[in-house]
Amino acid sequence: SDLKPMNEVVRRIDECNTGKKLMADPVNYSIKNAGT
């Protein structure tokens, strides 16, 4: 039951590569906590 299939691993690697690209080119947002 603790075996993760190959397609799930490939998906995770793709997500990491996407994450690297997105973080290298951040979008101009201002993100503020809505407050107490």
PDB file of all heavy atoms in Angstrom:
ATOM      1  N   SER A   1       0.817  -1.219   0.000  1.00  0.00           N
ATOM      2  CA  SER A   1       0.000   0.000   0.000  1.00  0.00           C
ATOM      3  C   SER A   1       0.849   1.267   0.000  1.00  0.00           C
ATOM      4  O   SER A   1       0.346   2.346  -0.323  1.00  0.00           O
ATOM      5  CB  SER A   1      -0.930  -0.007   1.219  1.00  0.00           C
ATOM      6  OG  SER A   1      -0.169  -0.055   2.424  1.00  0.00           O
ATOM      7  N   ASP A   2       2.129   1.150   0.383  1.00  0.00           N
ATOM      8  CA  ASP A   2       3.003   2.322   0.405  1.00  0.00           C
ATOM      9  C   ASP A   2       3.795   2.450  -0.891  1.00  0.00           C
ATOM     10  O   ASP A   2       4.828   3.135  -0.928  1.00  0.00           O
ATOM     11  CB  ASP A   2       3.950   2.273   1.604  1.00  0.00           C
ATOM     12  CG  ASP A   2       4.820   1.023   1.612  1.00  0.00           C
ATOM     13  OD1 ASP A   2       4.490   0.065   0.901  1.00  0.00           O
ATOM     14  OD2 ASP A   2       5.837   1.021   2.333  1.00  0.00           O
ATOM     15  N   LEU A   3       3.334   1.855  -1.960  1.00  0.00           N
ATOM     16  CA  LEU A   3       3.980   1.989  -3.263  1.00  0.00           C
ATOM     17  C   LEU A   3       3.266   3.079  -4.057  1.00  0.00           C
ATOM     18  O   LEU A   3       2.065   2.997  -4.305  1.00  0.00           O
ATOM     19  CB  LEU A   3       3.940   0.657  -4.020  1.00  0.00           C
ATOM     20  CG  LEU A   3       4.681   0.608  -5.361  1.00  0.00           C
ATOM     21  CD1 LEU A   3       5.256  -0.786  -5.604  1.00  0.00           C
ATOM     22  CD2 LEU A   3       3.740   0.964  -6.528  1.00  0.00           C
ATOM     23  N   LYS A   4       3.997   4.130  -4.428  1.00  0.00           N
ATOM     24  CA  LYS A   4       3.441   5.201  -5.248  1.00  0.00           C
ATOM     25  C   LYS A   4       3.745   4.901  -6.712  1.00  0.00           C
ATOM     26  O   LYS A   4       4.881   4.584  -7.061  1.00  0.00           O
ATOM     27  CB  LYS A   4       4.048   6.549  -4.854  1.00  0.00           C
ATOM     28  CG  LYS A   4       3.775   6.954  -3.408  1.00  0.00           C
ATOM     29  CD  LYS A   4       2.292   7.184  -3.174  1.00  0.00           C
ATOM     30  CE  LYS A   4       2.031   7.778  -1.796  1.00  0.00           C
ATOM     31  NZ  LYS A   4       2.419   6.872  -0.692  1.00  0.00           N
ATOM     32  N   PRO A   5       2.757   4.994  -7.609  1.00  0.00           N
ATOM     33  CA  PRO A   5       2.962   4.619  -9.006  1.00  0.00           C
ATOM     34  C   PRO A   5       3.876   5.586  -9.750  1.00  0.00           C
ATOM     35  O   PRO A   5       4.043   6.744  -9.356  1.00  0.00           O
ATOM     36  CB  PRO A   5       1.545   4.642  -9.588  1.00  0.00           C
ATOM     37  CG  PRO A   5       0.789   5.583  -8.701  1.00  0.00           C
ATOM     38  CD  PRO A   5       1.374   5.408  -7.332  1.00  0.00           C
ATOM     39  N   MET A   6       4.426   5.116 -10.859  1.00  0.00           N
ATOM     40  CA  MET A   6       5.388   5.892 -11.634  1.00  0.00           C
ATOM     41  C   MET A   6       4.791   7.197 -12.155  1.00  0.00           C
ATOM     42  O   MET A   6       5.460   8.241 -12.131  1.00  0.00           O
ATOM     43  CB  MET A   6       5.902   5.046 -12.797  1.00  0.00           C
ATOM     44  CG  MET A   6       6.963   5.734 -13.655  1.00  0.00           C
ATOM     45  SD  MET A   6       8.509   6.018 -12.747  1.00  0.00           S
ATOM     46  CE  MET A   6       9.176   4.344 -12.724  1.00  0.00           C
ATOM     47  N   ASN A   7       3.549   7.166 -12.635  1.00  0.00           N
ATOM     48  CA  ASN A   7       2.965   8.388 -13.194  1.00  0.00           C
ATOM     49  C   ASN A   7       2.841   9.489 -12.145  1.00  0.00           C
ATOM     50  O   ASN A   7       2.947  10.680 -12.451  1.00  0.00           O
ATOM     51  CB  ASN A   7       1.609   8.089 -13.834  1.00  0.00           C
ATOM     52  CG  ASN A   7       0.566   7.623 -12.835  1.00  0.00           C
ATOM     53  OD1 ASN A   7       0.901   7.015 -11.815  1.00  0.00           O
ATOM     54  ND2 ASN A   7      -0.693   7.894 -13.114  1.00  0.00           N
ATOM     55  N   GLU A   8       2.633   9.099 -10.878  1.00  0.00           N
ATOM     56  CA  GLU A   8       2.549  10.082  -9.801  1.00  0.00           C
ATOM     57  C   GLU A   8       3.919  10.710  -9.523  1.00  0.00           C
ATOM     58  O   GLU A   8       4.019  11.914  -9.266  1.00  0.00           O
ATOM     59  CB  GLU A   8       2.011   9.412  -8.537  1.00  0.00           C
ATOM     60  CG  GLU A   8       1.603  10.388  -7.453  1.00  0.00           C
ATOM     61  CD  GLU A   8       0.854   9.719  -6.318  1.00  0.00           C
ATOM     62  OE1 GLU A   8       0.096   8.771  -6.585  1.00  0.00           O
ATOM     63  OE2 GLU A   8       1.048  10.144  -5.167  1.00  0.00           O
ATOM     64  N   VAL A   9       4.971   9.915  -9.605  1.00  0.00           N
ATOM     65  CA  VAL A   9       6.326  10.426  -9.395  1.00  0.00           C
ATOM     66  C   VAL A   9       6.713  11.385 -10.518  1.00  0.00           C
ATOM     67  O   VAL A   9       7.270  12.465 -10.270  1.00  0.00           O
ATOM     68  CB  VAL A   9       7.342   9.262  -9.319  1.00  0.00           C
ATOM     69  CG1 VAL A   9       8.723   9.796  -8.989  1.00  0.00           C
ATOM     70  CG2 VAL A   9       6.912   8.239  -8.293  1.00  0.00           C
ATOM     71  N   VAL A  10       6.421  11.005 -11.751  1.00  0.00           N
ATOM     72  CA  VAL A  10       6.711  11.866 -12.896  1.00  0.00           C
ATOM     73  C   VAL A  10       5.963  13.186 -12.760  1.00  0.00           C
ATOM     74  O   VAL A  10       6.499  14.263 -13.051  1.00  0.00           O
ATOM     75  CB  VAL A  10       6.343  11.159 -14.216  1.00  0.00           C
ATOM     76  CG1 VAL A  10       6.466  12.118 -15.397  1.00  0.00           C
ATOM     77  CG2 VAL A  10       7.232   9.937 -14.427  1.00  0.00           C
ATOM     78  N   ARG A  11       4.714  13.106 -12.303  1.00  0.00           N
ATOM     79  CA  ARG A  11       3.918  14.306 -12.089  1.00  0.00           C
ATOM     80  C   ARG A  11       4.583  15.223 -11.058  1.00  0.00           C
ATOM     81  O   ARG A  11       4.661  16.436 -11.252  1.00  0.00           O
ATOM     82  CB  ARG A  11       2.515  13.897 -11.616  1.00  0.00           C
ATOM     83  CG  ARG A  11       1.642  15.031 -11.104  1.00  0.00           C
ATOM     84  CD  ARG A  11       1.141  15.914 -12.206  1.00  0.00           C
ATOM     85  NE  ARG A  11       0.386  17.048 -11.703  1.00  0.00           N
ATOM     86  CZ  ARG A  11      -0.048  18.045 -12.444  1.00  0.00           C
ATOM     87  NH1 ARG A  11       0.190  18.055 -13.735  1.00  0.00           N
ATOM     88  NH2 ARG A  11      -0.707  19.048 -11.914  1.00  0.00           N
ATOM     89  N   ARG A  12       5.065  14.650  -9.980  1.00  0.00           N
ATOM     90  CA  ARG A  12       5.721  15.445  -8.938  1.00  0.00           C
ATOM     91  C   ARG A  12       6.988  16.124  -9.474  1.00  0.00           C
ATOM     92  O   ARG A  12       7.269  17.286  -9.151  1.00  0.00           O
ATOM     93  CB  ARG A  12       6.071  14.562  -7.739  1.00  0.00           C
ATOM     94  CG  ARG A  12       4.885  14.002  -6.986  1.00  0.00           C
ATOM     95  CD  ARG A  12       4.068  15.090  -6.339  1.00  0.00           C
ATOM     96  NE  ARG A  12       2.987  14.553  -5.530  1.00  0.00           N
ATOM     97  CZ  ARG A  12       2.047  15.294  -4.961  1.00  0.00           C
ATOM     98  NH1 ARG A  12       2.055  16.597  -5.129  1.00  0.00           N
ATOM     99  NH2 ARG A  12       1.090  14.729  -4.253  1.00  0.00           N
ATOM    100  N   ILE A  13       7.755  15.412 -10.265  1.00  0.00           N
ATOM    101  CA  ILE A  13       8.971  16.003 -10.843  1.00  0.00           C
ATOM    102  C   ILE A  13       8.598  17.158 -11.763  1.00  0.00           C
ATOM    103  O   ILE A  13       9.237  18.223 -11.747  1.00  0.00           O
ATOM    104  CB  ILE A  13       9.784  14.928 -11.584  1.00  0.00           C
ATOM    105  CG1 ILE A  13      10.333  13.909 -10.589  1.00  0.00           C
ATOM    106  CG2 ILE A  13      10.934  15.568 -12.375  1.00  0.00           C
ATOM    107  CD1 ILE A  13      11.011  12.714 -11.238  1.00  0.00           C
ATOM    108  N   ASP A  14       7.557  16.982 -12.559  1.00  0.00           N
ATOM    109  CA  ASP A  14       7.088  18.067 -13.431  1.00  0.00           C
ATOM    110  C   ASP A  14       6.658  19.279 -12.605  1.00  0.00           C
ATOM    111  O   ASP A  14       6.929  20.433 -12.978  1.00  0.00           O
ATOM    112  CB  ASP A  14       5.919  17.588 -14.291  1.00  0.00           C
ATOM    113  CG  ASP A  14       6.350  16.607 -15.377  1.00  0.00           C
ATOM    114  OD1 ASP A  14       7.561  16.560 -15.681  1.00  0.00           O
ATOM    115  OD2 ASP A  14       5.473  15.890 -15.908  1.00  0.00           O
ATOM    116  N   GLU A  15       5.975  19.024 -11.486  1.00  0.00           N
ATOM    117  CA  GLU A  15       5.551  20.126 -10.615  1.00  0.00           C
ATOM    118  C   GLU A  15       6.754  20.895 -10.079  1.00  0.00           C
ATOM    119  O   GLU A  15       6.735  22.140 -10.010  1.00  0.00           O
ATOM    120  CB  GLU A  15       4.721  19.585  -9.455  1.00  0.00           C
ATOM    121  CG  GLU A  15       3.353  19.078  -9.848  1.00  0.00           C
ATOM    122  CD  GLU A  15       2.619  18.386  -8.717  1.00  0.00           C
ATOM    123  OE1 GLU A  15       3.262  18.086  -7.687  1.00  0.00           O
ATOM    124  OE2 GLU A  15       1.405  18.142  -8.853  1.00  0.00           O
ATOM    125  N   CYS A  16       7.795  20.181  -9.701  1.00  0.00           N
ATOM    126  CA  CYS A  16       8.995  20.843  -9.179  1.00  0.00           C
ATOM    127  C   CYS A  16       9.660  21.701 -10.253  1.00  0.00           C
ATOM    128  O   CYS A  16      10.113  22.820  -9.976  1.00  0.00           O
ATOM    129  CB  CYS A  16       9.970  19.809  -8.631  1.00  0.00           C
ATOM    130  SG  CYS A  16       9.419  19.004  -7.119  1.00  0.00           S
ATOM    131  N   ASN A  17       9.733  21.188 -11.464  1.00  0.00           N
ATOM    132  CA  ASN A  17      10.312  21.977 -12.558  1.00  0.00           C
ATOM    133  C   ASN A  17       9.459  23.203 -12.852  1.00  0.00           C
ATOM    134  O   ASN A  17       9.988  24.294 -13.119  1.00  0.00           O
ATOM    135  CB  ASN A  17      10.457  21.110 -13.810  1.00  0.00           C
ATOM    136  CG  ASN A  17      11.629  20.144 -13.713  1.00  0.00           C
ATOM    137  OD1 ASN A  17      12.704  20.512 -13.240  1.00  0.00           O
ATOM    138  ND2 ASN A  17      11.435  18.910 -14.149  1.00  0.00           N
ATOM    139  N   THR A  18       8.134  23.041 -12.780  1.00  0.00           N
ATOM    140  CA  THR A  18       7.251  24.196 -12.949  1.00  0.00           C
ATOM    141  C   THR A  18       7.468  25.201 -11.821  1.00  0.00           C
ATOM    142  O   THR A  18       7.512  26.418 -12.050  1.00  0.00           O
ATOM    143  CB  THR A  18       5.778  23.745 -12.961  1.00  0.00           C
ATOM    144  OG1 THR A  18       5.561  22.884 -14.074  1.00  0.00           O
ATOM    145  CG2 THR A  18       4.839  24.936 -13.069  1.00  0.00           C
ATOM    146  N   GLY A  19       7.599  24.689 -10.592  1.00  0.00           N
ATOM    147  CA  GLY A  19       7.837  25.574  -9.450  1.00  0.00           C
ATOM    148  C   GLY A  19       9.096  26.390  -9.604  1.00  0.00           C
ATOM    149  O   GLY A  19       9.134  27.589  -9.282  1.00  0.00           O
ATOM    150  N   LYS A  20      10.162  25.774 -10.102  1.00  0.00           N
ATOM    151  CA  LYS A  20      11.422  26.489 -10.313  1.00  0.00           C
ATOM    152  C   LYS A  20      11.234  27.621 -11.319  1.00  0.00           C
ATOM    153  O   LYS A  20      11.727  28.740 -11.126  1.00  0.00           O
ATOM    154  CB  LYS A  20      12.497  25.515 -10.801  1.00  0.00           C
ATOM    155  CG  LYS A  20      12.955  24.526  -9.742  1.00  0.00           C
ATOM    156  CD  LYS A  20      13.865  23.461 -10.317  1.00  0.00           C
ATOM    157  CE  LYS A  20      15.165  24.049 -10.859  1.00  0.00           C
ATOM    158  NZ  LYS A  20      16.074  22.995 -11.343  1.00  0.00           N
ATOM    159  N   LYS A  21      10.510  27.336 -12.410  1.00  0.00           N
ATOM    160  CA  LYS A  21      10.285  28.354 -13.442  1.00  0.00           C
ATOM    161  C   LYS A  21       9.431  29.502 -12.912  1.00  0.00           C
ATOM    162  O   LYS A  21       9.724  30.676 -13.158  1.00  0.00           O
ATOM    163  CB  LYS A  21       9.611  27.717 -14.655  1.00  0.00           C
ATOM    164  CG  LYS A  21      10.479  26.738 -15.424  1.00  0.00           C
ATOM    165  CD  LYS A  21       9.704  26.094 -16.564  1.00  0.00           C
ATOM    166  CE  LYS A  21      10.564  25.062 -17.293  1.00  0.00           C
ATOM    167  NZ  LYS A  21       9.783  24.379 -18.369  1.00  0.00           N
ATOM    168  N   LEU A  22       8.379  29.167 -12.181  1.00  0.00           N
ATOM    169  CA  LEU A  22       7.483  30.208 -11.675  1.00  0.00           C
ATOM    170  C   LEU A  22       8.172  31.079 -10.633  1.00  0.00           C
ATOM    171  O   LEU A  22       7.977  32.303 -10.606  1.00  0.00           O
ATOM    172  CB  LEU A  22       6.228  29.572 -11.081  1.00  0.00           C
ATOM    173  CG  LEU A  22       5.303  28.843 -12.060  1.00  0.00           C
ATOM    174  CD1 LEU A  22       4.114  28.228 -11.323  1.00  0.00           C
ATOM    175  CD2 LEU A  22       4.799  29.787 -13.144  1.00  0.00           C
ATOM    176  N   MET A  23       8.986  30.471  -9.779  1.00  0.00           N
ATOM    177  CA  MET A  23       9.678  31.267  -8.758  1.00  0.00           C
ATOM    178  C   MET A  23      10.771  32.139  -9.359  1.00  0.00           C
ATOM    179  O   MET A  23      11.097  33.198  -8.815  1.00  0.00           O
ATOM    180  CB  MET A  23      10.263  30.351  -7.688  1.00  0.00           C
ATOM    181  CG  MET A  23       9.222  29.751  -6.762  1.00  0.00           C
ATOM    182  SD  MET A  23       9.947  28.973  -5.291  1.00  0.00           S
ATOM    183  CE  MET A  23      10.531  30.423  -4.403  1.00  0.00           C
ATOM    184  N   ALA A  24      11.342  31.703 -10.483  1.00  0.00           N
ATOM    185  CA  ALA A  24      12.378  32.503 -11.143  1.00  0.00           C
ATOM    186  C   ALA A  24      11.789  33.727 -11.831  1.00  0.00           C
ATOM    187  O   ALA A  24      12.522  34.672 -12.151  1.00  0.00           O
ATOM    188  CB  ALA A  24      13.131  31.644 -12.154  1.00  0.00           C
ATOM    189  N   ASP A  25      10.471  33.734 -12.047  1.00  0.00           N
ATOM    190  CA  ASP A  25       9.813  34.849 -12.723  1.00  0.00           C
ATOM    191  C   ASP A  25       8.533  35.200 -11.979  1.00  0.00           C
ATOM    192  O   ASP A  25       7.427  35.004 -12.478  1.00  0.00           O
ATOM    193  CB  ASP A  25       9.508  34.470 -14.180  1.00  0.00           C
ATOM    194  CG  ASP A  25       8.967  35.640 -14.985  1.00  0.00           C
ATOM    195  OD1 ASP A  25       9.226  36.798 -14.599  1.00  0.00           O
ATOM    196  OD2 ASP A  25       8.276  35.387 -15.997  1.00  0.00           O
ATOM    197  N   PRO A  26       8.651  35.715 -10.736  1.00  0.00           N
ATOM    198  CA  PRO A  26       7.457  35.977  -9.920  1.00  0.00           C
ATOM    199  C   PRO A  26       6.568  37.049 -10.532  1.00  0.00           C
ATOM    200  O   PRO A  26       7.045  37.984 -11.182  1.00  0.00           O
ATOM    201  CB  PRO A  26       8.039  36.425  -8.575  1.00  0.00           C
ATOM    202  CG  PRO A  26       9.403  36.934  -8.898  1.00  0.00           C
ATOM    203  CD  PRO A  26       9.891  36.111 -10.043  1.00  0.00           C
ATOM    204  N   VAL A  27       5.268  36.904 -10.319  1.00  0.00           N
ATOM    205  CA  VAL A  27       4.289  37.873 -10.810  1.00  0.00           C
ATOM    206  C   VAL A  27       4.183  39.013  -9.802  1.00  0.00           C
ATOM    207  O   VAL A  27       4.353  38.827  -8.598  1.00  0.00           O
ATOM    208  CB  VAL A  27       2.921  37.184 -11.009  1.00  0.00           C
ATOM    209  CG1 VAL A  27       1.893  38.171 -11.559  1.00  0.00           C
ATOM    210  CG2 VAL A  27       3.070  35.997 -11.954  1.00  0.00           C
ATOM    211  N   ASN A  28       3.887  40.189 -10.295  1.00  0.00           N
ATOM    212  CA  ASN A  28       3.838  41.385  -9.454  1.00  0.00           C
ATOM    213  C   ASN A  28       2.510  41.454  -8.696  1.00  0.00           C
ATOM    214  O   ASN A  28       1.559  42.092  -9.117  1.00  0.00           O
ATOM    215  CB  ASN A  28       4.022  42.638 -10.322  1.00  0.00           C
ATOM    216  CG  ASN A  28       4.222  43.883  -9.482  1.00  0.00           C
ATOM    217  OD1 ASN A  28       4.539  43.812  -8.303  1.00  0.00           O
ATOM    218  ND2 ASN A  28       4.041  45.036 -10.093  1.00  0.00           N
ATOM    219  N   TYR A  29       2.461  40.739  -7.597  1.00  0.00           N
ATOM    220  CA  TYR A  29       1.300  40.770  -6.707  1.00  0.00           C
ATOM    221  C   TYR A  29       1.692  41.432  -5.386  1.00  0.00           C
ATOM    222  O   TYR A  29       2.844  41.396  -4.967  1.00  0.00           O
ATOM    223  CB  TYR A  29       0.817  39.355  -6.361  1.00  0.00           C
ATOM    224  CG  TYR A  29       0.298  38.532  -7.499  1.00  0.00           C
ATOM    225  CD1 TYR A  29       0.926  37.339  -7.856  1.00  0.00           C
ATOM    226  CD2 TYR A  29      -0.844  38.903  -8.205  1.00  0.00           C
ATOM    227  CE1 TYR A  29       0.436  36.550  -8.892  1.00  0.00           C
ATOM    228  CE2 TYR A  29      -1.336  38.121  -9.241  1.00  0.00           C
ATOM    229  CZ  TYR A  29      -0.687  36.954  -9.582  1.00  0.00           C
ATOM    230  OH  TYR A  29      -1.165  36.174 -10.598  1.00  0.00           O
ATOM    231  N   SER A  30       0.693  41.995  -4.725  1.00  0.00           N
ATOM    232  CA  SER A  30       0.823  42.338  -3.311  1.00  0.00           C
ATOM    233  C   SER A  30      -0.147  41.444  -2.561  1.00  0.00           C
ATOM    234  O   SER A  30      -1.333  41.409  -2.874  1.00  0.00           O
ATOM    235  CB  SER A  30       0.481  43.810  -3.070  1.00  0.00           C
ATOM    236  OG  SER A  30       0.367  44.069  -1.687  1.00  0.00           O
ATOM    237  N   ILE A  31       0.359  40.663  -1.600  1.00  0.00           N
ATOM    238  CA  ILE A  31      -0.475  39.702  -0.878  1.00  0.00           C
ATOM    239  C   ILE A  31      -0.472  40.091   0.596  1.00  0.00           C
ATOM    240  O   ILE A  31       0.539  39.970   1.280  1.00  0.00           O
ATOM    241  CB  ILE A  31       0.046  38.266  -1.070  1.00  0.00           C
ATOM    242  CG1 ILE A  31       0.078  37.920  -2.564  1.00  0.00           C
ATOM    243  CG2 ILE A  31      -0.818  37.275  -0.314  1.00  0.00           C
ATOM    244  CD1 ILE A  31       0.657  36.557  -2.867  1.00  0.00           C
ATOM    245  N   LYS A  32      -1.615  40.572   1.081  1.00  0.00           N
ATOM    246  CA  LYS A  32      -1.722  41.079   2.446  1.00  0.00           C
ATOM    247  C   LYS A  32      -2.766  40.299   3.236  1.00  0.00           C
ATOM    248  O   LYS A  32      -3.857  40.012   2.738  1.00  0.00           O
ATOM    249  CB  LYS A  32      -2.121  42.566   2.428  1.00  0.00           C
ATOM    250  CG  LYS A  32      -1.016  43.507   1.966  1.00  0.00           C
ATOM    251  CD  LYS A  32      -0.006  43.740   3.069  1.00  0.00           C
ATOM    252  CE  LYS A  32       0.967  44.852   2.706  1.00  0.00           C
ATOM    253  NZ  LYS A  32       1.915  45.115   3.798  1.00  0.00           N
ATOM    254  N   ASN A  33      -2.424  39.979   4.470  1.00  0.00           N
ATOM    255  CA  ASN A  33      -3.377  39.332   5.359  1.00  0.00           C
ATOM    256  C   ASN A  33      -4.587  40.249   5.552  1.00  0.00           C
ATOM    257  O   ASN A  33      -4.439  41.455   5.737  1.00  0.00           O
ATOM    258  CB  ASN A  33      -2.705  39.039   6.700  1.00  0.00           C
ATOM    259  CG  ASN A  33      -3.517  38.113   7.571  1.00  0.00           C
ATOM    260  OD1 ASN A  33      -4.591  38.460   8.037  1.00  0.00           O
ATOM    261  ND2 ASN A  33      -2.992  36.917   7.802  1.00  0.00           N
ATOM    262  N   ALA A  34      -5.792  39.680   5.485  1.00  0.00           N
ATOM    263  CA  ALA A  34      -7.008  40.479   5.612  1.00  0.00           C
ATOM    264  C   ALA A  34      -7.182  41.061   7.002  1.00  0.00           C
ATOM    265  O   ALA A  34      -8.038  41.929   7.207  1.00  0.00           O
ATOM    266  CB  ALA A  34      -8.233  39.646   5.244  1.00  0.00           C
ATOM    267  N   GLY A  35      -6.393  40.600   7.964  1.00  0.00           N
ATOM    268  CA  GLY A  35      -6.374  41.235   9.269  1.00  0.00           C
ATOM    269  C   GLY A  35      -7.207  40.546  10.329  1.00  0.00           C
ATOM    270  O   GLY A  35      -7.947  39.589  10.069  1.00  0.00           O
ATOM    271  N   THR A  36      -7.060  41.047  11.547  1.00  0.00           N
ATOM    272  CA  THR A  36      -7.685  40.416  12.710  1.00  0.00           C
ATOM    273  C   THR A  36      -9.201  40.560  12.721  1.00  0.00           C
ATOM    274  O   THR A  36      -9.877  39.815  13.432  1.00  0.00           O
ATOM    275  CB  THR A  36      -7.106  41.012  14.002  1.00  0.00           C
ATOM    276  OG1 THR A  36      -7.253  42.441  13.971  1.00  0.00           O
ATOM    277  CG2 THR A  36      -5.636  40.671  14.151  1.00  0.00           C
TER     278      THR A  36
END
